Amino acid sequence: MISVTFPQRGEVYLTSFDPVRGSEQGGRRPAVIVSTNLSNGHDPVVTVVPITSAMKKRSFPQDVRLAPGDIGPQPGRVLCGQIRTVSTQRLGRRLGALPDQLMNQVDDALRLVLDL
């Protein structure tokens, strides 16, 4: 069996986003890896989208809602409009992985954000 030692697409890591500018998400927070495994295995950077636990009454079409238990004990939102490429050195511990159904929703939201 081959052991995978790099972050995989769909996995969620505690990620350090500081320093930030303006309205960028900051601090240490969960983030979903959205870059391809081919890139993730060779590059010292990964592309991520942050997750927030702030549940606003108004949500945006590019947000993917998470229910309690999807990745942690509380609800959240995957902020697909806040795409960011970060060094793998910013990744902390692995928190889990999004189920395929939710990753499909993230993919749809990314297509919307990037007009693909």
PDB file of N, CA and C in Angstrom:
ATOM      1  N   MET A   1       0.841  -1.181   0.000  1.00  0.00           N
ATOM      2  CA  MET A   1       0.000   0.000   0.000  1.00  0.00           C
ATOM      3  C   MET A   1       0.888   1.247   0.000  1.00  0.00           C
ATOM      4  N   ILE A   2       0.514   2.242  -0.785  1.00  0.00           N
ATOM      5  CA  ILE A   2       1.270   3.485  -0.878  1.00  0.00           C
ATOM      6  C   ILE A   2       0.726   4.482   0.140  1.00  0.00           C
ATOM      7  N   SER A   3       1.622   5.106   0.887  1.00  0.00           N
ATOM      8  CA  SER A   3       1.234   6.104   1.872  1.00  0.00           C
ATOM      9  C   SER A   3       1.260   7.496   1.236  1.00  0.00           C
ATOM     10  N   VAL A   4       0.165   8.240   1.368  1.00  0.00           N
ATOM     11  CA  VAL A   4       0.086   9.591   0.829  1.00  0.00           C
ATOM     12  C   VAL A   4       0.547  10.562   1.913  1.00  0.00           C
ATOM     13  N   THR A   5       1.529  11.407   1.582  1.00  0.00           N
ATOM     14  CA  THR A   5       2.083  12.309   2.593  1.00  0.00           C
ATOM     15  C   THR A   5       1.847  13.782   2.270  1.00  0.00           C
ATOM     16  N   PHE A   6       0.995  14.069   1.316  1.00  0.00           N
ATOM     17  CA  PHE A   6       0.712  15.463   0.980  1.00  0.00           C
ATOM     18  C   PHE A   6      -0.789  15.718   1.123  1.00  0.00           C
ATOM     19  N   PRO A   7      -1.176  16.978   1.298  1.00  0.00           N
ATOM     20  CA  PRO A   7      -2.602  17.291   1.431  1.00  0.00           C
ATOM     21  C   PRO A   7      -3.379  16.873   0.185  1.00  0.00           C
ATOM     22  N   GLN A   8      -4.545  16.317   0.409  1.00  0.00           N
ATOM     23  CA  GLN A   8      -5.396  15.833  -0.674  1.00  0.00           C
ATOM     24  C   GLN A   8      -6.575  16.778  -0.891  1.00  0.00           C
ATOM     25  N   ARG A   9      -6.996  16.870  -2.132  1.00  0.00           N
ATOM     26  CA  ARG A   9      -8.171  17.678  -2.469  1.00  0.00           C
ATOM     27  C   ARG A   9      -9.365  17.190  -1.650  1.00  0.00           C
ATOM     28  N   GLY A  10     -10.086  18.129  -1.052  1.00  0.00           N
ATOM     29  CA  GLY A  10     -11.251  17.789  -0.243  1.00  0.00           C
ATOM     30  C   GLY A  10     -10.958  17.667   1.237  1.00  0.00           C
ATOM     31  N   GLU A  11      -9.677  17.561   1.598  1.00  0.00           N
ATOM     32  CA  GLU A  11      -9.330  17.496   3.015  1.00  0.00           C
ATOM     33  C   GLU A  11      -9.447  18.881   3.644  1.00  0.00           C
ATOM     34  N   VAL A  12      -9.691  18.889   4.938  1.00  0.00           N
ATOM     35  CA  VAL A  12      -9.826  20.135   5.686  1.00  0.00           C
ATOM     36  C   VAL A  12      -8.693  20.206   6.703  1.00  0.00           C
ATOM     37  N   TYR A  13      -7.974  21.326   6.682  1.00  0.00           N
ATOM     38  CA  TYR A  13      -6.855  21.557   7.597  1.00  0.00           C
ATOM     39  C   TYR A  13      -7.079  22.849   8.367  1.00  0.00           C
ATOM     40  N   LEU A  14      -6.627  22.874   9.609  1.00  0.00           N
ATOM     41  CA  LEU A  14      -6.554  24.123  10.348  1.00  0.00           C
ATOM     42  C   LEU A  14      -5.453  24.937   9.678  1.00  0.00           C
ATOM     43  N   THR A  15      -5.783  26.127   9.214  1.00  0.00           N
ATOM     44  CA  THR A  15      -4.883  26.909   8.360  1.00  0.00           C
ATOM     45  C   THR A  15      -4.691  28.308   8.923  1.00  0.00           C
ATOM     46  N   SER A  16      -3.466  28.792   8.870  1.00  0.00           N
ATOM     47  CA  SER A  16      -3.152  30.151   9.317  1.00  0.00           C
ATOM     48  C   SER A  16      -3.256  31.104   8.131  1.00  0.00           C
ATOM     49  N   PHE A  17      -4.165  32.078   8.228  1.00  0.00           N
ATOM     50  CA  PHE A  17      -4.390  33.009   7.125  1.00  0.00           C
ATOM     51  C   PHE A  17      -3.740  34.379   7.339  1.00  0.00           C
ATOM     52  N   ASP A  18      -3.166  34.615   8.504  1.00  0.00           N
ATOM     53  CA  ASP A  18      -2.556  35.927   8.760  1.00  0.00           C
ATOM     54  C   ASP A  18      -1.188  36.025   8.119  1.00  0.00           C
ATOM     55  N   PRO A  19      -0.770  37.186   7.667  1.00  0.00           N
ATOM     56  CA  PRO A  19      -1.470  38.473   7.721  1.00  0.00           C
ATOM     57  C   PRO A  19      -2.492  38.599   6.588  1.00  0.00           C
ATOM     58  N   VAL A  20      -3.471  39.444   6.813  1.00  0.00           N
ATOM     59  CA  VAL A  20      -4.527  39.662   5.819  1.00  0.00           C
ATOM     60  C   VAL A  20      -4.655  41.143   5.509  1.00  0.00           C
ATOM     61  N   ARG A  21      -5.403  41.440   4.486  1.00  0.00           N
ATOM     62  CA  ARG A  21      -5.723  42.819   4.108  1.00  0.00           C
ATOM     63  C   ARG A  21      -7.236  42.933   3.926  1.00  0.00           C
ATOM     64  N   GLY A  22      -7.772  44.070   4.280  1.00  0.00           N
ATOM     65  CA  GLY A  22      -9.183  44.351   4.032  1.00  0.00           C
ATOM     66  C   GLY A  22     -10.128  43.313   4.599  1.00  0.00           C
ATOM     67  N   SER A  23     -11.007  42.795   3.751  1.00  0.00           N
ATOM     68  CA  SER A  23     -12.059  41.865   4.181  1.00  0.00           C
ATOM     69  C   SER A  23     -11.680  40.400   4.038  1.00  0.00           C
ATOM     70  N   GLU A  24     -10.389  40.101   3.828  1.00  0.00           N
ATOM     71  CA  GLU A  24      -9.960  38.702   3.729  1.00  0.00           C
ATOM     72  C   GLU A  24     -10.200  37.993   5.061  1.00  0.00           C
ATOM     73  N   GLN A  25     -10.489  36.710   4.990  1.00  0.00           N
ATOM     74  CA  GLN A  25     -10.620  35.905   6.197  1.00  0.00           C
ATOM     75  C   GLN A  25      -9.247  35.765   6.841  1.00  0.00           C
ATOM     76  N   GLY A  26      -9.191  35.905   8.141  1.00  0.00           N
ATOM     77  CA  GLY A  26      -7.909  35.837   8.830  1.00  0.00           C
ATOM     78  C   GLY A  26      -7.927  34.850   9.974  1.00  0.00           C
ATOM     79  N   GLY A  27      -6.828  34.828  10.709  1.00  0.00           N
ATOM     80  CA  GLY A  27      -6.695  33.955  11.864  1.00  0.00           C
ATOM     81  C   GLY A  27      -6.418  32.522  11.465  1.00  0.00           C
ATOM     82  N   ARG A  28      -6.530  31.646  12.458  1.00  0.00           N
ATOM     83  CA  ARG A  28      -6.413  30.207  12.217  1.00  0.00           C
ATOM     84  C   ARG A  28      -7.821  29.659  12.124  1.00  0.00           C
ATOM     85  N   ARG A  29      -8.104  29.039  11.017  1.00  0.00           N
ATOM     86  CA  ARG A  29      -9.452  28.517  10.792  1.00  0.00           C
ATOM     87  C   ARG A  29      -9.371  27.319   9.861  1.00  0.00           C
ATOM     88  N   PRO A  30     -10.401  26.496   9.846  1.00  0.00           N
ATOM     89  CA  PRO A  30     -10.420  25.378   8.901  1.00  0.00           C
ATOM     90  C   PRO A  30     -10.480  25.890   7.469  1.00  0.00           C
ATOM     91  N   ALA A  31      -9.873  25.132   6.562  1.00  0.00           N
ATOM     92  CA  ALA A  31      -9.926  25.450   5.136  1.00  0.00           C
ATOM     93  C   ALA A  31      -9.925  24.152   4.342  1.00  0.00           C
ATOM     94  N   VAL A  32     -10.658  24.160   3.239  1.00  0.00           N
ATOM     95  CA  VAL A  32     -10.759  22.999   2.354  1.00  0.00           C
ATOM     96  C   VAL A  32      -9.717  23.130   1.250  1.00  0.00           C
ATOM     97  N   ILE A  33      -8.955  22.066   1.011  1.00  0.00           N
ATOM     98  CA  ILE A  33      -8.007  22.028  -0.101  1.00  0.00           C
ATOM     99  C   ILE A  33      -8.817  21.853  -1.387  1.00  0.00           C
ATOM    100  N   VAL A  34      -8.642  22.768  -2.357  1.00  0.00           N
ATOM    101  CA  VAL A  34      -9.381  22.670  -3.618  1.00  0.00           C
ATOM    102  C   VAL A  34      -8.465  22.495  -4.825  1.00  0.00           C
ATOM    103  N   SER A  35      -7.158  22.580  -4.629  1.00  0.00           N
ATOM    104  CA  SER A  35      -6.223  22.355  -5.741  1.00  0.00           C
ATOM    105  C   SER A  35      -6.132  20.861  -6.036  1.00  0.00           C
ATOM    106  N   THR A  36      -5.652  20.525  -7.231  1.00  0.00           N
ATOM    107  CA  THR A  36      -5.600  19.129  -7.665  1.00  0.00           C
ATOM    108  C   THR A  36      -4.521  18.351  -6.929  1.00  0.00           C
ATOM    109  N   ASN A  37      -4.741  17.062  -6.772  1.00  0.00           N
ATOM    110  CA  ASN A  37      -3.743  16.220  -6.113  1.00  0.00           C
ATOM    111  C   ASN A  37      -2.433  16.180  -6.886  1.00  0.00           C
ATOM    112  N   LEU A  38      -2.508  16.296  -8.205  1.00  0.00           N
ATOM    113  CA  LEU A  38      -1.289  16.343  -9.006  1.00  0.00           C
ATOM    114  C   LEU A  38      -0.426  17.526  -8.571  1.00  0.00           C
ATOM    115  N   SER A  39      -1.032  18.693  -8.440  1.00  0.00           N
ATOM    116  CA  SER A  39      -0.304  19.877  -7.970  1.00  0.00           C
ATOM    117  C   SER A  39       0.101  19.733  -6.508  1.00  0.00           C
ATOM    118  N   ASN A  40      -0.812  19.251  -5.689  1.00  0.00           N
ATOM    119  CA  ASN A  40      -0.548  19.153  -4.252  1.00  0.00           C
ATOM    120  C   ASN A  40       0.654  18.271  -3.946  1.00  0.00           C
ATOM    121  N   GLY A  41       0.890  17.271  -4.776  1.00  0.00           N
ATOM    122  CA  GLY A  41       1.996  16.350  -4.544  1.00  0.00           C
ATOM    123  C   GLY A  41       3.349  16.899  -4.934  1.00  0.00           C
ATOM    124  N   HIS A  42       3.368  18.006  -5.685  1.00  0.00           N
ATOM    125  CA  HIS A  42       4.638  18.531  -6.196  1.00  0.00           C
ATOM    126  C   HIS A  42       4.938  19.964  -5.779  1.00  0.00           C
ATOM    127  N   ASP A  43       3.914  20.747  -5.503  1.00  0.00           N
ATOM    128  CA  ASP A  43       4.109  22.167  -5.219  1.00  0.00           C
ATOM    129  C   ASP A  43       4.192  22.428  -3.716  1.00  0.00           C
ATOM    130  N   PRO A  44       4.920  23.464  -3.317  1.00  0.00           N
ATOM    131  CA  PRO A  44       4.978  23.826  -1.900  1.00  0.00           C
ATOM    132  C   PRO A  44       3.795  24.704  -1.478  1.00  0.00           C
ATOM    133  N   VAL A  45       2.823  24.880  -2.383  1.00  0.00           N
ATOM    134  CA  VAL A  45       1.621  25.655  -2.082  1.00  0.00           C
ATOM    135  C   VAL A  45       0.385  24.830  -2.445  1.00  0.00           C
ATOM    136  N   VAL A  46      -0.734  25.172  -1.803  1.00  0.00           N
ATOM    137  CA  VAL A  46      -2.028  24.564  -2.116  1.00  0.00           C
ATOM    138  C   VAL A  46      -3.060  25.680  -2.217  1.00  0.00           C
ATOM    139  N   THR A  47      -4.124  25.419  -2.956  1.00  0.00           N
ATOM    140  CA  THR A  47      -5.216  26.379  -3.054  1.00  0.00           C
ATOM    141  C   THR A  47      -6.323  25.917  -2.119  1.00  0.00           C
ATOM    142  N   VAL A  48      -6.822  26.859  -1.313  1.00  0.00           N
ATOM    143  CA  VAL A  48      -7.805  26.533  -0.282  1.00  0.00           C
ATOM    144  C   VAL A  48      -8.958  27.531  -0.312  1.00  0.00           C
ATOM    145  N   VAL A  49     -10.056  27.140   0.320  1.00  0.00           N
ATOM    146  CA  VAL A  49     -11.141  28.072   0.632  1.00  0.00           C
ATOM    147  C   VAL A  49     -11.429  27.938   2.125  1.00  0.00           C
ATOM    148  N   PRO A  50     -11.553  29.080   2.816  1.00  0.00           N
ATOM    149  CA  PRO A  50     -11.744  29.038   4.265  1.00  0.00           C
ATOM    150  C   PRO A  50     -13.162  28.635   4.653  1.00  0.00           C
ATOM    151  N   ILE A  51     -13.267  28.168   5.879  1.00  0.00           N
ATOM    152  CA  ILE A  51     -14.558  27.830   6.479  1.00  0.00           C
ATOM    153  C   ILE A  51     -14.767  28.764   7.663  1.00  0.00           C
ATOM    154  N   THR A  52     -15.979  29.281   7.799  1.00  0.00           N
ATOM    155  CA  THR A  52     -16.321  30.112   8.946  1.00  0.00           C
ATOM    156  C   THR A  52     -17.472  29.474   9.706  1.00  0.00           C
ATOM    157  N   SER A  53     -17.519  29.744  11.000  1.00  0.00           N
ATOM    158  CA  SER A  53     -18.651  29.269  11.800  1.00  0.00           C
ATOM    159  C   SER A  53     -19.721  30.352  11.920  1.00  0.00           C
ATOM    160  N   ALA A  54     -19.440  31.547  11.392  1.00  0.00           N
ATOM    161  CA  ALA A  54     -20.418  32.640  11.429  1.00  0.00           C
ATOM    162  C   ALA A  54     -21.564  32.317  10.471  1.00  0.00           C
ATOM    163  N   MET A  55     -22.737  32.159  11.023  1.00  0.00           N
ATOM    164  CA  MET A  55     -23.912  31.819  10.220  1.00  0.00           C
ATOM    165  C   MET A  55     -24.784  33.060  10.088  1.00  0.00           C
ATOM    166  N   LYS A  56     -24.653  33.749   8.974  1.00  0.00           N
ATOM    167  CA  LYS A  56     -25.424  34.966   8.736  1.00  0.00           C
ATOM    168  C   LYS A  56     -26.779  34.611   8.144  1.00  0.00           C
ATOM    169  N   LYS A  57     -27.757  35.467   8.413  1.00  0.00           N
ATOM    170  CA  LYS A  57     -29.082  35.253   7.831  1.00  0.00           C
ATOM    171  C   LYS A  57     -29.006  35.323   6.314  1.00  0.00           C
ATOM    172  N   ARG A  58     -28.196  36.244   5.817  1.00  0.00           N
ATOM    173  CA  ARG A  58     -28.027  36.398   4.368  1.00  0.00           C
ATOM    174  C   ARG A  58     -26.784  35.626   3.958  1.00  0.00           C
ATOM    175  N   SER A  59     -26.957  34.703   3.044  1.00  0.00           N
ATOM    176  CA  SER A  59     -25.786  33.984   2.543  1.00  0.00           C
ATOM    177  C   SER A  59     -25.638  34.294   1.058  1.00  0.00           C
ATOM    178  N   PHE A  60     -24.476  34.017   0.540  1.00  0.00           N
ATOM    179  CA  PHE A  60     -24.173  34.296  -0.853  1.00  0.00           C
ATOM    180  C   PHE A  60     -24.228  32.998  -1.652  1.00  0.00           C
ATOM    181  N   PRO A  61     -24.519  33.071  -2.954  1.00  0.00           N
ATOM    182  CA  PRO A  61     -24.635  31.853  -3.764  1.00  0.00           C
ATOM    183  C   PRO A  61     -23.356  31.020  -3.776  1.00  0.00           C
ATOM    184  N   GLN A  62     -22.213  31.653  -3.547  1.00  0.00           N
ATOM    185  CA  GLN A  62     -20.951  30.921  -3.571  1.00  0.00           C
ATOM    186  C   GLN A  62     -20.605  30.280  -2.224  1.00  0.00           C
ATOM    187  N   ASP A  63     -21.447  30.464  -1.215  1.00  0.00           N
ATOM    188  CA  ASP A  63     -21.220  29.829   0.086  1.00  0.00           C
ATOM    189  C   ASP A  63     -21.834  28.433   0.093  1.00  0.00           C
ATOM    190  N   VAL A  64     -21.127  27.488   0.693  1.00  0.00           N
ATOM    191  CA  VAL A  64     -21.649  26.129   0.859  1.00  0.00           C
ATOM    192  C   VAL A  64     -21.870  25.914   2.351  1.00  0.00           C
ATOM    193  N   ARG A  65     -23.098  25.641   2.710  1.00  0.00           N
ATOM    194  CA  ARG A  65     -23.435  25.464   4.130  1.00  0.00           C
ATOM    195  C   ARG A  65     -23.020  24.079   4.621  1.00  0.00           C
ATOM    196  N   LEU A  66     -22.492  24.062   5.847  1.00  0.00           N
ATOM    197  CA  LEU A  66     -22.111  22.817   6.508  1.00  0.00           C
ATOM    198  C   LEU A  66     -23.011  22.608   7.714  1.00  0.00           C
ATOM    199  N   ALA A  67     -23.508  21.412   7.875  1.00  0.00           N
ATOM    200  CA  ALA A  67     -24.321  21.061   9.031  1.00  0.00           C
ATOM    201  C   ALA A  67     -23.408  20.564  10.153  1.00  0.00           C
ATOM    202  N   PRO A  68     -23.882  20.609  11.392  1.00  0.00           N
ATOM    203  CA  PRO A  68     -23.087  20.027  12.473  1.00  0.00           C
ATOM    204  C   PRO A  68     -22.760  18.571  12.141  1.00  0.00           C
ATOM    205  N   GLY A  69     -21.509  18.206  12.315  1.00  0.00           N
ATOM    206  CA  GLY A  69     -21.076  16.848  12.021  1.00  0.00           C
ATOM    207  C   GLY A  69     -20.457  16.678  10.648  1.00  0.00           C
ATOM    208  N   ASP A  70     -20.663  17.638   9.735  1.00  0.00           N
ATOM    209  CA  ASP A  70     -20.042  17.522   8.407  1.00  0.00           C
ATOM    210  C   ASP A  70     -18.527  17.545   8.520  1.00  0.00           C
ATOM    211  N   ILE A  71     -18.001  18.441   9.340  1.00  0.00           N
ATOM    212  CA  ILE A  71     -16.554  18.512   9.546  1.00  0.00           C
ATOM    213  C   ILE A  71     -16.218  18.809  11.005  1.00  0.00           C
ATOM    214  N   GLY A  72     -17.179  19.250  11.755  1.00  0.00           N
ATOM    215  CA  GLY A  72     -16.976  19.557  13.169  1.00  0.00           C
ATOM    216  C   GLY A  72     -18.311  19.568  13.883  1.00  0.00           C
ATOM    217  N   PRO A  73     -18.305  19.935  15.161  1.00  0.00           N
ATOM    218  CA  PRO A  73     -19.535  19.874  15.950  1.00  0.00           C
ATOM    219  C   PRO A  73     -20.527  21.005  15.683  1.00  0.00           C
ATOM    220  N   GLN A  74     -20.098  22.055  14.990  1.00  0.00           N
ATOM    221  CA  GLN A  74     -20.997  23.184  14.761  1.00  0.00           C
ATOM    222  C   GLN A  74     -21.227  23.419  13.268  1.00  0.00           C
ATOM    223  N   PRO A  75     -22.303  24.141  12.936  1.00  0.00           N
ATOM    224  CA  PRO A  75     -22.533  24.457  11.528  1.00  0.00           C
ATOM    225  C   PRO A  75     -21.498  25.455  11.032  1.00  0.00           C
ATOM    226  N   GLY A  76     -21.409  25.588   9.722  1.00  0.00           N
ATOM    227  CA  GLY A  76     -20.458  26.539   9.154  1.00  0.00           C
ATOM    228  C   GLY A  76     -20.777  26.822   7.703  1.00  0.00           C
ATOM    229  N   ARG A  77     -19.911  27.631   7.100  1.00  0.00           N
ATOM    230  CA  ARG A  77     -20.039  27.957   5.684  1.00  0.00           C
ATOM    231  C   ARG A  77     -18.661  27.879   5.046  1.00  0.00           C
ATOM    232  N   VAL A  78     -18.575  27.222   3.895  1.00  0.00           N
ATOM    233  CA  VAL A  78     -17.354  27.223   3.094  1.00  0.00           C
ATOM    234  C   VAL A  78     -17.439  28.476   2.225  1.00  0.00           C
ATOM    235  N   LEU A  79     -16.467  29.365   2.372  1.00  0.00           N
ATOM    236  CA  LEU A  79     -16.488  30.662   1.693  1.00  0.00           C
ATOM    237  C   LEU A  79     -15.752  30.568   0.358  1.00  0.00           C
ATOM    238  N   CYS A  80     -16.438  30.051  -0.646  1.00  0.00           N
ATOM    239  CA  CYS A  80     -15.797  29.793  -1.942  1.00  0.00           C
ATOM    240  C   CYS A  80     -15.411  31.069  -2.678  1.00  0.00           C
ATOM    241  N   GLY A  81     -15.902  32.208  -2.249  1.00  0.00           N
ATOM    242  CA  GLY A  81     -15.499  33.477  -2.832  1.00  0.00           C
ATOM    243  C   GLY A  81     -14.191  34.001  -2.269  1.00  0.00           C
ATOM    244  N   GLN A  82     -13.604  33.281  -1.320  1.00  0.00           N
ATOM    245  CA  GLN A  82     -12.355  33.705  -0.670  1.00  0.00           C
ATOM    246  C   GLN A  82     -11.219  32.746  -1.024  1.00  0.00           C
ATOM    247  N   ILE A  83     -11.127  32.358  -2.283  1.00  0.00           N
ATOM    248  CA  ILE A  83     -10.089  31.427  -2.752  1.00  0.00           C
ATOM    249  C   ILE A  83      -8.717  32.016  -2.456  1.00  0.00           C
ATOM    250  N   ARG A  84      -7.828  31.165  -1.942  1.00  0.00           N
ATOM    251  CA  ARG A  84      -6.485  31.653  -1.612  1.00  0.00           C
ATOM    252  C   ARG A  84      -5.465  30.541  -1.796  1.00  0.00           C
ATOM    253  N   THR A  85      -4.309  30.888  -2.334  1.00  0.00           N
ATOM    254  CA  THR A  85      -3.198  29.950  -2.439  1.00  0.00           C
ATOM    255  C   THR A  85      -2.246  30.233  -1.293  1.00  0.00           C
ATOM    256  N   VAL A  86      -1.921  29.183  -0.521  1.00  0.00           N
ATOM    257  CA  VAL A  86      -1.082  29.344   0.668  1.00  0.00           C
ATOM    258  C   VAL A  86       0.042  28.318   0.657  1.00  0.00           C
ATOM    259  N   SER A  87       1.106  28.635   1.351  1.00  0.00           N
ATOM    260  CA  SER A  87       2.197  27.688   1.548  1.00  0.00           C
ATOM    261  C   SER A  87       1.695  26.511   2.377  1.00  0.00           C
ATOM    262  N   THR A  88       2.198  25.329   2.101  1.00  0.00           N
ATOM    263  CA  THR A  88       1.827  24.168   2.924  1.00  0.00           C
ATOM    264  C   THR A  88       2.316  24.351   4.359  1.00  0.00           C
ATOM    265  N   GLN A  89       3.253  25.270   4.579  1.00  0.00           N
ATOM    266  CA  GLN A  89       3.714  25.564   5.937  1.00  0.00           C
ATOM    267  C   GLN A  89       2.628  26.245   6.768  1.00  0.00           C
ATOM    268  N   ARG A  90       1.615  26.787   6.117  1.00  0.00           N
ATOM    269  CA  ARG A  90       0.490  27.403   6.834  1.00  0.00           C
ATOM    270  C   ARG A  90      -0.531  26.366   7.318  1.00  0.00           C
ATOM    271  N   LEU A  91      -0.408  25.131   6.844  1.00  0.00           N
ATOM    272  CA  LEU A  91      -1.365  24.087   7.219  1.00  0.00           C
ATOM    273  C   LEU A  91      -0.995  23.495   8.564  1.00  0.00           C
ATOM    274  N   GLY A  92      -1.986  23.425   9.447  1.00  0.00           N
ATOM    275  CA  GLY A  92      -1.812  22.771  10.736  1.00  0.00           C
ATOM    276  C   GLY A  92      -2.330  21.348  10.657  1.00  0.00           C
ATOM    277  N   ARG A  93      -3.036  20.958  11.693  1.00  0.00           N
ATOM    278  CA  ARG A  93      -3.498  19.568  11.728  1.00  0.00           C
ATOM    279  C   ARG A  93      -4.680  19.347  10.787  1.00  0.00           C
ATOM    280  N   ARG A  94      -4.757  18.114  10.315  1.00  0.00           N
ATOM    281  CA  ARG A  94      -5.856  17.698   9.444  1.00  0.00           C
ATOM    282  C   ARG A  94      -7.091  17.488  10.307  1.00  0.00           C
ATOM    283  N   LEU A  95      -8.210  18.078   9.883  1.00  0.00           N
ATOM    284  CA  LEU A  95      -9.454  17.985  10.643  1.00  0.00           C
ATOM    285  C   LEU A  95     -10.418  16.959  10.069  1.00  0.00           C
ATOM    286  N   GLY A  96     -10.143  16.494   8.859  1.00  0.00           N
ATOM    287  CA  GLY A  96     -11.032  15.540   8.207  1.00  0.00           C
ATOM    288  C   GLY A  96     -11.110  15.832   6.724  1.00  0.00           C
ATOM    289  N   ALA A  97     -12.188  15.377   6.106  1.00  0.00           N
ATOM    290  CA  ALA A  97     -12.394  15.604   4.674  1.00  0.00           C
ATOM    291  C   ALA A  97     -13.885  15.794   4.426  1.00  0.00           C
ATOM    292  N   LEU A  98     -14.202  16.625   3.444  1.00  0.00           N
ATOM    293  CA  LEU A  98     -15.606  16.822   3.092  1.00  0.00           C
ATOM    294  C   LEU A  98     -16.128  15.598   2.355  1.00  0.00           C
ATOM    295  N   PRO A  99     -17.359  15.185   2.634  1.00  0.00           N
ATOM    296  CA  PRO A  99     -17.974  14.104   1.862  1.00  0.00           C
ATOM    297  C   PRO A  99     -18.115  14.528   0.393  1.00  0.00           C
ATOM    298  N   ASP A 100     -18.171  13.548  -0.489  1.00  0.00           N
ATOM    299  CA  ASP A 100     -18.262  13.823  -1.931  1.00  0.00           C
ATOM    300  C   ASP A 100     -19.398  14.781  -2.277  1.00  0.00           C
ATOM    301  N   GLN A 101     -20.553  14.609  -1.646  1.00  0.00           N
ATOM    302  CA  GLN A 101     -21.708  15.464  -1.942  1.00  0.00           C
ATOM    303  C   GLN A 101     -21.371  16.932  -1.671  1.00  0.00           C
ATOM    304  N   LEU A 102     -20.693  17.206  -0.558  1.00  0.00           N
ATOM    305  CA  LEU A 102     -20.335  18.587  -0.241  1.00  0.00           C
ATOM    306  C   LEU A 102     -19.222  19.097  -1.154  1.00  0.00           C
ATOM    307  N   MET A 103     -18.266  18.232  -1.515  1.00  0.00           N
ATOM    308  CA  MET A 103     -17.215  18.664  -2.444  1.00  0.00           C
ATOM    309  C   MET A 103     -17.815  19.008  -3.799  1.00  0.00           C
ATOM    310  N   ASN A 104     -18.856  18.276  -4.213  1.00  0.00           N
ATOM    311  CA  ASN A 104     -19.544  18.612  -5.466  1.00  0.00           C
ATOM    312  C   ASN A 104     -20.170  20.007  -5.381  1.00  0.00           C
ATOM    313  N   GLN A 105     -20.729  20.347  -4.215  1.00  0.00           N
ATOM    314  CA  GLN A 105     -21.296  21.683  -4.023  1.00  0.00           C
ATOM    315  C   GLN A 105     -20.198  22.749  -4.044  1.00  0.00           C
ATOM    316  N   VAL A 106     -19.043  22.444  -3.435  1.00  0.00           N
ATOM    317  CA  VAL A 106     -17.904  23.366  -3.467  1.00  0.00           C
ATOM    318  C   VAL A 106     -17.458  23.567  -4.912  1.00  0.00           C
ATOM    319  N   ASP A 107     -17.363  22.484  -5.668  1.00  0.00           N
ATOM    320  CA  ASP A 107     -16.977  22.587  -7.085  1.00  0.00           C
ATOM    321  C   ASP A 107     -17.950  23.481  -7.857  1.00  0.00           C
ATOM    322  N   ASP A 108     -19.250  23.296  -7.627  1.00  0.00           N
ATOM    323  CA  ASP A 108     -20.256  24.125  -8.300  1.00  0.00           C
ATOM    324  C   ASP A 108     -20.083  25.598  -7.921  1.00  0.00           C
ATOM    325  N   ALA A 109     -19.838  25.854  -6.643  1.00  0.00           N
ATOM    326  CA  ALA A 109     -19.653  27.231  -6.175  1.00  0.00           C
ATOM    327  C   ALA A 109     -18.398  27.852  -6.777  1.00  0.00           C
ATOM    328  N   LEU A 110     -17.331  27.073  -6.893  1.00  0.00           N
ATOM    329  CA  LEU A 110     -16.098  27.588  -7.503  1.00  0.00           C
ATOM    330  C   LEU A 110     -16.314  27.910  -8.980  1.00  0.00           C
ATOM    331  N   ARG A 111     -17.086  27.073  -9.669  1.00  0.00           N
ATOM    332  CA  ARG A 111     -17.411  27.362 -11.072  1.00  0.00           C
ATOM    333  C   ARG A 111     -18.178  28.686 -11.178  1.00  0.00           C
ATOM    334  N   LEU A 112     -19.082  28.927 -10.237  1.00  0.00           N
ATOM    335  CA  LEU A 112     -19.851  30.173 -10.214  1.00  0.00           C
ATOM    336  C   LEU A 112     -18.921  31.367  -9.979  1.00  0.00           C
ATOM    337  N   VAL A 113     -18.051  31.262  -8.984  1.00  0.00           N
ATOM    338  CA  VAL A 113     -17.135  32.356  -8.637  1.00  0.00           C
ATOM    339  C   VAL A 113     -16.173  32.663  -9.779  1.00  0.00           C
ATOM    340  N   LEU A 114     -15.675  31.617 -10.433  1.00  0.00           N
ATOM    341  CA  LEU A 114     -14.663  31.789 -11.479  1.00  0.00           C
ATOM    342  C   LEU A 114     -15.260  31.893 -12.882  1.00  0.00           C
ATOM    343  N   ASP A 115     -16.587  31.832 -12.965  1.00  0.00           N
ATOM    344  CA  ASP A 115     -17.295  31.927 -14.242  1.00  0.00           C
ATOM    345  C   ASP A 115     -16.798  30.873 -15.231  1.00  0.00           C
ATOM    346  N   LEU A 116     -16.714  29.632 -14.753  1.00  0.00           N
ATOM    347  CA  LEU A 116     -16.248  28.515 -15.593  1.00  0.00           C
ATOM    348  C   LEU A 116     -17.421  27.704 -16.129  1.00  0.00           C
TER     349      LEU A 116
END
